[in-house]
Amino acid sequence: VMATALCAGPLMLPDHVHAEGEPAHPTTGRTLFV
């Protein structure tokens, strides 16, 4: 497990981020609960 994690690290993708100021949709909280 540890060797796989160490070897996989450099190959994984950087995370995406989205545009500043973007609000959550009004139904997001309810959707997450459902």
PDB file of all heavy atoms in Angstrom:
ATOM      1  N   VAL A   1       0.836  -1.203   0.000  1.00  0.00           N
ATOM      2  CA  VAL A   1       0.000   0.000   0.000  1.00  0.00           C
ATOM      3  C   VAL A   1       0.869   1.251   0.000  1.00  0.00           C
ATOM      4  O   VAL A   1       0.652   2.188  -0.793  1.00  0.00           O
ATOM      5  CB  VAL A   1      -0.937   0.013   1.224  1.00  0.00           C
ATOM      6  CG1 VAL A   1      -1.700   1.332   1.297  1.00  0.00           C
ATOM      7  CG2 VAL A   1      -1.911  -1.140   1.161  1.00  0.00           C
ATOM      8  N   MET A   2       1.863   1.291   0.881  1.00  0.00           N
ATOM      9  CA  MET A   2       2.695   2.482   0.977  1.00  0.00           C
ATOM     10  C   MET A   2       3.504   2.706  -0.293  1.00  0.00           C
ATOM     11  O   MET A   2       3.622   3.844  -0.764  1.00  0.00           O
ATOM     12  CB  MET A   2       3.604   2.364   2.203  1.00  0.00           C
ATOM     13  CG  MET A   2       2.850   2.442   3.522  1.00  0.00           C
ATOM     14  SD  MET A   2       3.912   2.518   4.995  1.00  0.00           S
ATOM     15  CE  MET A   2       4.473   0.814   5.086  1.00  0.00           C
ATOM     16  N   ALA A   3       4.047   1.642  -0.860  1.00  0.00           N
ATOM     17  CA  ALA A   3       4.815   1.780  -2.094  1.00  0.00           C
ATOM     18  C   ALA A   3       3.924   2.253  -3.239  1.00  0.00           C
ATOM     19  O   ALA A   3       4.330   3.099  -4.055  1.00  0.00           O
ATOM     20  CB  ALA A   3       5.473   0.447  -2.446  1.00  0.00           C
ATOM     21  N   THR A   4       2.703   1.723  -3.304  1.00  0.00           N
ATOM     22  CA  THR A   4       1.776   2.133  -4.358  1.00  0.00           C
ATOM     23  C   THR A   4       1.425   3.603  -4.229  1.00  0.00           C
ATOM     24  O   THR A   4       1.395   4.349  -5.226  1.00  0.00           O
ATOM     25  CB  THR A   4       0.494   1.284  -4.297  1.00  0.00           C
ATOM     26  OG1 THR A   4       0.839  -0.104  -4.442  1.00  0.00           O
ATOM     27  CG2 THR A   4      -0.471   1.680  -5.399  1.00  0.00           C
ATOM     28  N   ALA A   5       1.152   4.055  -2.997  1.00  0.00           N
ATOM     29  CA  ALA A   5       0.810   5.464  -2.778  1.00  0.00           C
ATOM     30  C   ALA A   5       1.972   6.373  -3.172  1.00  0.00           C
ATOM     31  O   ALA A   5       1.776   7.418  -3.819  1.00  0.00           O
ATOM     32  CB  ALA A   5       0.421   5.687  -1.322  1.00  0.00           C
ATOM     33  N   LEU A   6       3.188   5.996  -2.791  1.00  0.00           N
ATOM     34  CA  LEU A   6       4.356   6.820  -3.118  1.00  0.00           C
ATOM     35  C   LEU A   6       4.605   6.870  -4.620  1.00  0.00           C
ATOM     36  O   LEU A   6       4.941   7.922  -5.173  1.00  0.00           O
ATOM     37  CB  LEU A   6       5.585   6.275  -2.392  1.00  0.00           C
ATOM     38  CG  LEU A   6       5.637   6.520  -0.880  1.00  0.00           C
ATOM     39  CD1 LEU A   6       6.768   5.718  -0.249  1.00  0.00           C
ATOM     40  CD2 LEU A   6       5.811   8.012  -0.585  1.00  0.00           C
ATOM     41  N   CYS A   7       4.438   5.743  -5.293  1.00  0.00           N
ATOM     42  CA  CYS A   7       4.657   5.705  -6.741  1.00  0.00           C
ATOM     43  C   CYS A   7       3.541   6.419  -7.500  1.00  0.00           C
ATOM     44  O   CYS A   7       3.775   7.015  -8.559  1.00  0.00           O
ATOM     45  CB  CYS A   7       4.763   4.255  -7.213  1.00  0.00           C
ATOM     46  SG  CYS A   7       6.239   3.389  -6.631  1.00  0.00           S
ATOM     47  N   ALA A   8       2.321   6.355  -6.965  1.00  0.00           N
ATOM     48  CA  ALA A   8       1.185   6.971  -7.652  1.00  0.00           C
ATOM     49  C   ALA A   8       1.204   8.493  -7.532  1.00  0.00           C
ATOM     50  O   ALA A   8       0.712   9.191  -8.426  1.00  0.00           O
ATOM     51  CB  ALA A   8      -0.126   6.419  -7.101  1.00  0.00           C
ATOM     52  N   GLY A   9       1.753   9.004  -6.426  1.00  0.00           N
ATOM     53  CA  GLY A   9       1.703  10.430  -6.168  1.00  0.00           C
ATOM     54  C   GLY A   9       2.147  11.309  -7.328  1.00  0.00           C
ATOM     55  O   GLY A   9       1.399  12.210  -7.756  1.00  0.00           O
ATOM     56  N   PRO A  10       3.338  11.105  -7.882  1.00  0.00           N
ATOM     57  CA  PRO A  10       3.788  11.979  -8.974  1.00  0.00           C
ATOM     58  C   PRO A  10       2.962  11.863 -10.247  1.00  0.00           C
ATOM     59  O   PRO A  10       3.028  12.745 -11.110  1.00  0.00           O
ATOM     60  CB  PRO A  10       5.232  11.496  -9.224  1.00  0.00           C
ATOM     61  CG  PRO A  10       5.627  10.793  -7.977  1.00  0.00           C
ATOM     62  CD  PRO A  10       4.377  10.160  -7.457  1.00  0.00           C
ATOM     63  N   LEU A  11       2.193  10.781 -10.385  1.00  0.00           N
ATOM     64  CA  LEU A  11       1.422  10.557 -11.604  1.00  0.00           C
ATOM     65  C   LEU A  11       0.013  11.117 -11.536  1.00  0.00           C
ATOM     66  O   LEU A  11      -0.657  11.233 -12.563  1.00  0.00           O
ATOM     67  CB  LEU A  11       1.346   9.046 -11.901  1.00  0.00           C
ATOM     68  CG  LEU A  11       2.682   8.316 -12.019  1.00  0.00           C
ATOM     69  CD1 LEU A  11       2.449   6.825 -12.230  1.00  0.00           C
ATOM     70  CD2 LEU A  11       3.519   8.888 -13.160  1.00  0.00           C
ATOM     71  N   MET A  12      -0.450  11.462 -10.326  1.00  0.00           N
ATOM     72  CA  MET A  12      -1.815  11.937 -10.173  1.00  0.00           C
ATOM     73  C   MET A  12      -1.964  13.369 -10.656  1.00  0.00           C
ATOM     74  O   MET A  12      -0.985  14.119 -10.738  1.00  0.00           O
ATOM     75  CB  MET A  12      -2.261  11.791  -8.716  1.00  0.00           C
ATOM     76  CG  MET A  12      -2.515  10.345  -8.318  1.00  0.00           C
ATOM     77  SD  MET A  12      -3.227  10.180  -6.661  1.00  0.00           S
ATOM     78  CE  MET A  12      -1.752  10.374  -5.662  1.00  0.00           C
ATOM     79  N   LEU A  13      -3.202  13.743 -10.961  1.00  0.00           N
ATOM     80  CA  LEU A  13      -3.478  15.064 -11.524  1.00  0.00           C
ATOM     81  C   LEU A  13      -3.654  16.115 -10.443  1.00  0.00           C
ATOM     82  O   LEU A  13      -4.152  15.815  -9.353  1.00  0.00           O
ATOM     83  CB  LEU A  13      -4.755  15.004 -12.368  1.00  0.00           C
ATOM     84  CG  LEU A  13      -4.723  14.096 -13.598  1.00  0.00           C
ATOM     85  CD1 LEU A  13      -6.083  14.126 -14.287  1.00  0.00           C
ATOM     86  CD2 LEU A  13      -3.628  14.512 -14.562  1.00  0.00           C
ATOM     87  N   PRO A  14      -3.281  17.363 -10.730  1.00  0.00           N
ATOM     88  CA  PRO A  14      -3.599  18.458  -9.795  1.00  0.00           C
ATOM     89  C   PRO A  14      -5.092  18.697  -9.781  1.00  0.00           C
ATOM     90  O   PRO A  14      -5.795  18.418 -10.756  1.00  0.00           O
ATOM     91  CB  PRO A  14      -2.836  19.650 -10.380  1.00  0.00           C
ATOM     92  CG  PRO A  14      -2.721  19.335 -11.835  1.00  0.00           C
ATOM     93  CD  PRO A  14      -2.578  17.837 -11.930  1.00  0.00           C
ATOM     94  N   ASP A  15      -5.572  19.228  -8.661  1.00  0.00           N
ATOM     95  CA  ASP A  15      -7.002  19.457  -8.522  1.00  0.00           C
ATOM     96  C   ASP A  15      -7.442  20.671  -9.312  1.00  0.00           C
ATOM     97  O   ASP A  15      -6.694  21.624  -9.489  1.00  0.00           O
ATOM     98  CB  ASP A  15      -7.368  19.661  -7.046  1.00  0.00           C
ATOM     99  CG  ASP A  15      -6.997  18.459  -6.204  1.00  0.00           C
ATOM    100  OD1 ASP A  15      -7.287  17.338  -6.641  1.00  0.00           O
ATOM    101  OD2 ASP A  15      -6.410  18.651  -5.123  1.00  0.00           O
ATOM    102  N   HIS A  16      -8.700  20.623  -9.758  1.00  0.00           N
ATOM    103  CA  HIS A  16      -9.287  21.781 -10.424  1.00  0.00           C
ATOM    104  C   HIS A  16      -9.857  22.740  -9.391  1.00  0.00           C
ATOM    105  O   HIS A  16     -10.273  22.342  -8.316  1.00  0.00           O
ATOM    106  CB  HIS A  16     -10.431  21.348 -11.346  1.00  0.00           C
ATOM    107  CG  HIS A  16      -9.955  20.682 -12.587  1.00  0.00           C
ATOM    108  ND1 HIS A  16      -9.071  21.263 -13.440  1.00  0.00           N
ATOM    109  CD2 HIS A  16     -10.250  19.468 -13.105  1.00  0.00           C
ATOM    110  CE1 HIS A  16      -8.849  20.443 -14.449  1.00  0.00           C
ATOM    111  NE2 HIS A  16      -9.544  19.346 -14.264  1.00  0.00           N
ATOM    112  N   VAL A  17      -9.870  24.005  -9.737  1.00  0.00           N
ATOM    113  CA  VAL A  17     -10.537  25.023  -8.923  1.00  0.00           C
ATOM    114  C   VAL A  17     -11.458  25.809  -9.842  1.00  0.00           C
ATOM    115  O   VAL A  17     -11.255  25.859 -11.043  1.00  0.00           O
ATOM    116  CB  VAL A  17      -9.512  25.960  -8.256  1.00  0.00           C
ATOM    117  CG1 VAL A  17      -8.751  25.217  -7.192  1.00  0.00           C
ATOM    118  CG2 VAL A  17      -8.546  26.547  -9.270  1.00  0.00           C
ATOM    119  N   HIS A  18     -12.513  26.429  -9.273  1.00  0.00           N
ATOM    120  CA  HIS A  18     -13.439  27.149 -10.136  1.00  0.00           C
ATOM    121  C   HIS A  18     -13.416  28.646  -9.855  1.00  0.00           C
ATOM    122  O   HIS A  18     -12.799  29.111  -8.924  1.00  0.00           O
ATOM    123  CB  HIS A  18     -14.859  26.574 -10.052  1.00  0.00           C
ATOM    124  CG  HIS A  18     -15.508  26.720  -8.719  1.00  0.00           C
ATOM    125  ND1 HIS A  18     -15.763  27.924  -8.132  1.00  0.00           N
ATOM    126  CD2 HIS A  18     -15.968  25.787  -7.846  1.00  0.00           C
ATOM    127  CE1 HIS A  18     -16.372  27.741  -6.978  1.00  0.00           C
ATOM    128  NE2 HIS A  18     -16.491  26.452  -6.779  1.00  0.00           N
ATOM    129  N   ALA A  19     -14.104  29.360 -10.689  1.00  0.00           N
ATOM    130  CA  ALA A  19     -13.967  30.814 -10.717  1.00  0.00           C
ATOM    131  C   ALA A  19     -14.386  31.459  -9.405  1.00  0.00           C
ATOM    132  O   ALA A  19     -15.367  31.092  -8.791  1.00  0.00           O
ATOM    133  CB  ALA A  19     -14.805  31.372 -11.853  1.00  0.00           C
ATOM    134  N   GLU A  20     -13.620  32.473  -8.999  1.00  0.00           N
ATOM    135  CA  GLU A  20     -13.849  33.143  -7.727  1.00  0.00           C
ATOM    136  C   GLU A  20     -15.217  33.812  -7.701  1.00  0.00           C
ATOM    137  O   GLU A  20     -15.678  34.402  -8.664  1.00  0.00           O
ATOM    138  CB  GLU A  20     -12.757  34.184  -7.489  1.00  0.00           C
ATOM    139  CG  GLU A  20     -12.859  34.820  -6.111  1.00  0.00           C
ATOM    140  CD  GLU A  20     -11.647  35.669  -5.791  1.00  0.00           C
ATOM    141  OE1 GLU A  20     -10.701  35.658  -6.607  1.00  0.00           O
ATOM    142  OE2 GLU A  20     -11.652  36.322  -4.751  1.00  0.00           O
ATOM    143  N   GLY A  21     -15.866  33.703  -6.535  1.00  0.00           N
ATOM    144  CA  GLY A  21     -17.149  34.333  -6.350  1.00  0.00           C
ATOM    145  C   GLY A  21     -18.326  33.482  -6.756  1.00  0.00           C
ATOM    146  O   GLY A  21     -19.470  33.913  -6.657  1.00  0.00           O
ATOM    147  N   GLU A  22     -18.085  32.278  -7.218  1.00  0.00           N
ATOM    148  CA  GLU A  22     -19.188  31.426  -7.641  1.00  0.00           C
ATOM    149  C   GLU A  22     -19.963  30.931  -6.428  1.00  0.00           C
ATOM    150  O   GLU A  22     -19.409  30.280  -5.551  1.00  0.00           O
ATOM    151  CB  GLU A  22     -18.660  30.244  -8.432  1.00  0.00           C
ATOM    152  CG  GLU A  22     -19.781  29.328  -8.900  1.00  0.00           C
ATOM    153  CD  GLU A  22     -19.209  28.156  -9.675  1.00  0.00           C
ATOM    154  OE1 GLU A  22     -18.405  27.414  -9.114  1.00  0.00           O
ATOM    155  OE2 GLU A  22     -19.585  28.006 -10.836  1.00  0.00           O
ATOM    156  N   PRO A  23     -21.266  31.217  -6.361  1.00  0.00           N
ATOM    157  CA  PRO A  23     -22.043  30.779  -5.209  1.00  0.00           C
ATOM    158  C   PRO A  23     -22.526  29.346  -5.364  1.00  0.00           C
ATOM    159  O   PRO A  23     -22.568  28.808  -6.467  1.00  0.00           O
ATOM    160  CB  PRO A  23     -23.226  31.755  -5.224  1.00  0.00           C
ATOM    161  CG  PRO A  23     -23.441  32.034  -6.687  1.00  0.00           C
ATOM    162  CD  PRO A  23     -22.047  32.029  -7.307  1.00  0.00           C
ATOM    163  N   ALA A  24     -22.876  28.750  -4.241  1.00  0.00           N
ATOM    164  CA  ALA A  24     -23.517  27.445  -4.281  1.00  0.00           C
ATOM    165  C   ALA A  24     -24.939  27.619  -4.791  1.00  0.00           C
ATOM    166  O   ALA A  24     -25.582  28.649  -4.607  1.00  0.00           O
ATOM    167  CB  ALA A  24     -23.519  26.819  -2.893  1.00  0.00           C
ATOM    168  N   HIS A  25     -25.449  26.593  -5.465  1.00  0.00           N
ATOM    169  CA  HIS A  25     -26.835  26.615  -5.912  1.00  0.00           C
ATOM    170  C   HIS A  25     -27.745  26.527  -4.695  1.00  0.00           C
ATOM    171  O   HIS A  25     -27.403  25.879  -3.691  1.00  0.00           O
ATOM    172  CB  HIS A  25     -27.078  25.428  -6.855  1.00  0.00           C
ATOM    173  CG  HIS A  25     -28.366  25.513  -7.597  1.00  0.00           C
ATOM    174  ND1 HIS A  25     -29.561  25.076  -7.076  1.00  0.00           N
ATOM    175  CD2 HIS A  25     -28.654  26.002  -8.834  1.00  0.00           C
ATOM    176  CE1 HIS A  25     -30.527  25.270  -7.961  1.00  0.00           C
ATOM    177  NE2 HIS A  25     -30.011  25.834  -9.037  1.00  0.00           N
ATOM    178  N   PRO A  26     -28.916  27.167  -4.717  1.00  0.00           N
ATOM    179  CA  PRO A  26     -29.805  27.130  -3.545  1.00  0.00           C
ATOM    180  C   PRO A  26     -30.193  25.728  -3.088  1.00  0.00           C
ATOM    181  O   PRO A  26     -30.507  25.516  -1.915  1.00  0.00           O
ATOM    182  CB  PRO A  26     -31.044  27.913  -4.031  1.00  0.00           C
ATOM    183  CG  PRO A  26     -30.520  28.817  -5.092  1.00  0.00           C
ATOM    184  CD  PRO A  26     -29.418  28.067  -5.763  1.00  0.00           C
ATOM    185  N   THR A  27     -30.172  24.771  -4.017  1.00  0.00           N
ATOM    186  CA  THR A  27     -30.574  23.405  -3.654  1.00  0.00           C
ATOM    187  C   THR A  27     -29.392  22.510  -3.287  1.00  0.00           C
ATOM    188  O   THR A  27     -29.589  21.322  -3.040  1.00  0.00           O
ATOM    189  CB  THR A  27     -31.337  22.762  -4.830  1.00  0.00           C
ATOM    190  OG1 THR A  27     -30.450  22.630  -5.962  1.00  0.00           O
ATOM    191  CG2 THR A  27     -32.547  23.579  -5.217  1.00  0.00           C
ATOM    192  N   THR A  28     -28.174  23.063  -3.249  1.00  0.00           N
ATOM    193  CA  THR A  28     -26.998  22.221  -3.031  1.00  0.00           C
ATOM    194  C   THR A  28     -27.058  21.465  -1.704  1.00  0.00           C
ATOM    195  O   THR A  28     -26.786  20.263  -1.649  1.00  0.00           O
ATOM    196  CB  THR A  28     -25.716  23.074  -3.095  1.00  0.00           C
ATOM    197  OG1 THR A  28     -25.537  23.540  -4.433  1.00  0.00           O
ATOM    198  CG2 THR A  28     -24.503  22.251  -2.710  1.00  0.00           C
ATOM    199  N   GLY A  29     -27.400  22.167  -0.623  1.00  0.00           N
ATOM    200  CA  GLY A  29     -27.450  21.510   0.678  1.00  0.00           C
ATOM    201  C   GLY A  29     -28.453  20.382   0.719  1.00  0.00           C
ATOM    202  O   GLY A  29     -28.164  19.290   1.226  1.00  0.00           O
ATOM    203  N   ARG A  30     -29.629  20.634   0.158  1.00  0.00           N
ATOM    204  CA  ARG A  30     -30.657  19.587   0.137  1.00  0.00           C
ATOM    205  C   ARG A  30     -30.217  18.417  -0.735  1.00  0.00           C
ATOM    206  O   ARG A  30     -30.429  17.246  -0.380  1.00  0.00           O
ATOM    207  CB  ARG A  30     -31.973  20.165  -0.390  1.00  0.00           C
ATOM    208  CG  ARG A  30     -33.144  19.180  -0.346  1.00  0.00           C
ATOM    209  CD  ARG A  30     -34.390  19.791  -0.943  1.00  0.00           C
ATOM    210  NE  ARG A  30     -34.243  20.006  -2.377  1.00  0.00           N
ATOM    211  CZ  ARG A  30     -35.144  20.610  -3.145  1.00  0.00           C
ATOM    212  NH1 ARG A  30     -36.248  21.094  -2.592  1.00  0.00           N
ATOM    213  NH2 ARG A  30     -34.936  20.754  -4.439  1.00  0.00           N
ATOM    214  N   THR A  31     -29.592  18.721  -1.873  1.00  0.00           N
ATOM    215  CA  THR A  31     -29.128  17.657  -2.759  1.00  0.00           C
ATOM    216  C   THR A  31     -28.096  16.780  -2.067  1.00  0.00           C
ATOM    217  O   THR A  31     -28.140  15.548  -2.175  1.00  0.00           O
ATOM    218  CB  THR A  31     -28.526  18.251  -4.040  1.00  0.00           C
ATOM    219  OG1 THR A  31     -29.514  19.018  -4.718  1.00  0.00           O
ATOM    220  CG2 THR A  31     -28.014  17.155  -4.962  1.00  0.00           C
ATOM    221  N   LEU A  32     -27.182  17.400  -1.344  1.00  0.00           N
ATOM    222  CA  LEU A  32     -26.150  16.638  -0.649  1.00  0.00           C
ATOM    223  C   LEU A  32     -26.769  15.727   0.404  1.00  0.00           C
ATOM    224  O   LEU A  32     -26.350  14.572   0.570  1.00  0.00           O
ATOM    225  CB  LEU A  32     -25.149  17.597  -0.007  1.00  0.00           C
ATOM    226  CG  LEU A  32     -23.785  17.025   0.394  1.00  0.00           C
ATOM    227  CD1 LEU A  32     -23.089  16.402  -0.799  1.00  0.00           C
ATOM    228  CD2 LEU A  32     -22.919  18.128   0.985  1.00  0.00           C
ATOM    229  N   PHE A  33     -27.779  16.229   1.111  1.00  0.00           N
ATOM    230  CA  PHE A  33     -28.457  15.403   2.111  1.00  0.00           C
ATOM    231  C   PHE A  33     -29.161  14.214   1.454  1.00  0.00           C
ATOM    232  O   PHE A  33     -29.078  13.080   1.941  1.00  0.00           O
ATOM    233  CB  PHE A  33     -29.474  16.236   2.892  1.00  0.00           C
ATOM    234  CG  PHE A  33     -30.331  15.423   3.822  1.00  0.00           C
ATOM    235  CD1 PHE A  33     -29.831  14.973   5.036  1.00  0.00           C
ATOM    236  CD2 PHE A  33     -31.634  15.087   3.464  1.00  0.00           C
ATOM    237  CE1 PHE A  33     -30.618  14.208   5.888  1.00  0.00           C
ATOM    238  CE2 PHE A  33     -32.430  14.327   4.318  1.00  0.00           C
ATOM    239  CZ  PHE A  33     -31.911  13.886   5.524  1.00  0.00           C
ATOM    240  N   VAL A  34     -29.856  14.465   0.342  1.00  0.00           N
ATOM    241  CA  VAL A  34     -30.571  13.385  -0.342  1.00  0.00           C
ATOM    242  C   VAL A  34     -29.595  12.349  -0.891  1.00  0.00           C
ATOM    243  O   VAL A  34     -29.836  11.140  -0.810  1.00  0.00           O
ATOM    244  CB  VAL A  34     -31.472  13.946  -1.451  1.00  0.00           C
ATOM    245  CG1 VAL A  34     -32.103  12.814  -2.262  1.00  0.00           C
ATOM    246  CG2 VAL A  34     -32.566  14.825  -0.863  1.00  0.00           C
TER     247      VAL A  34
END
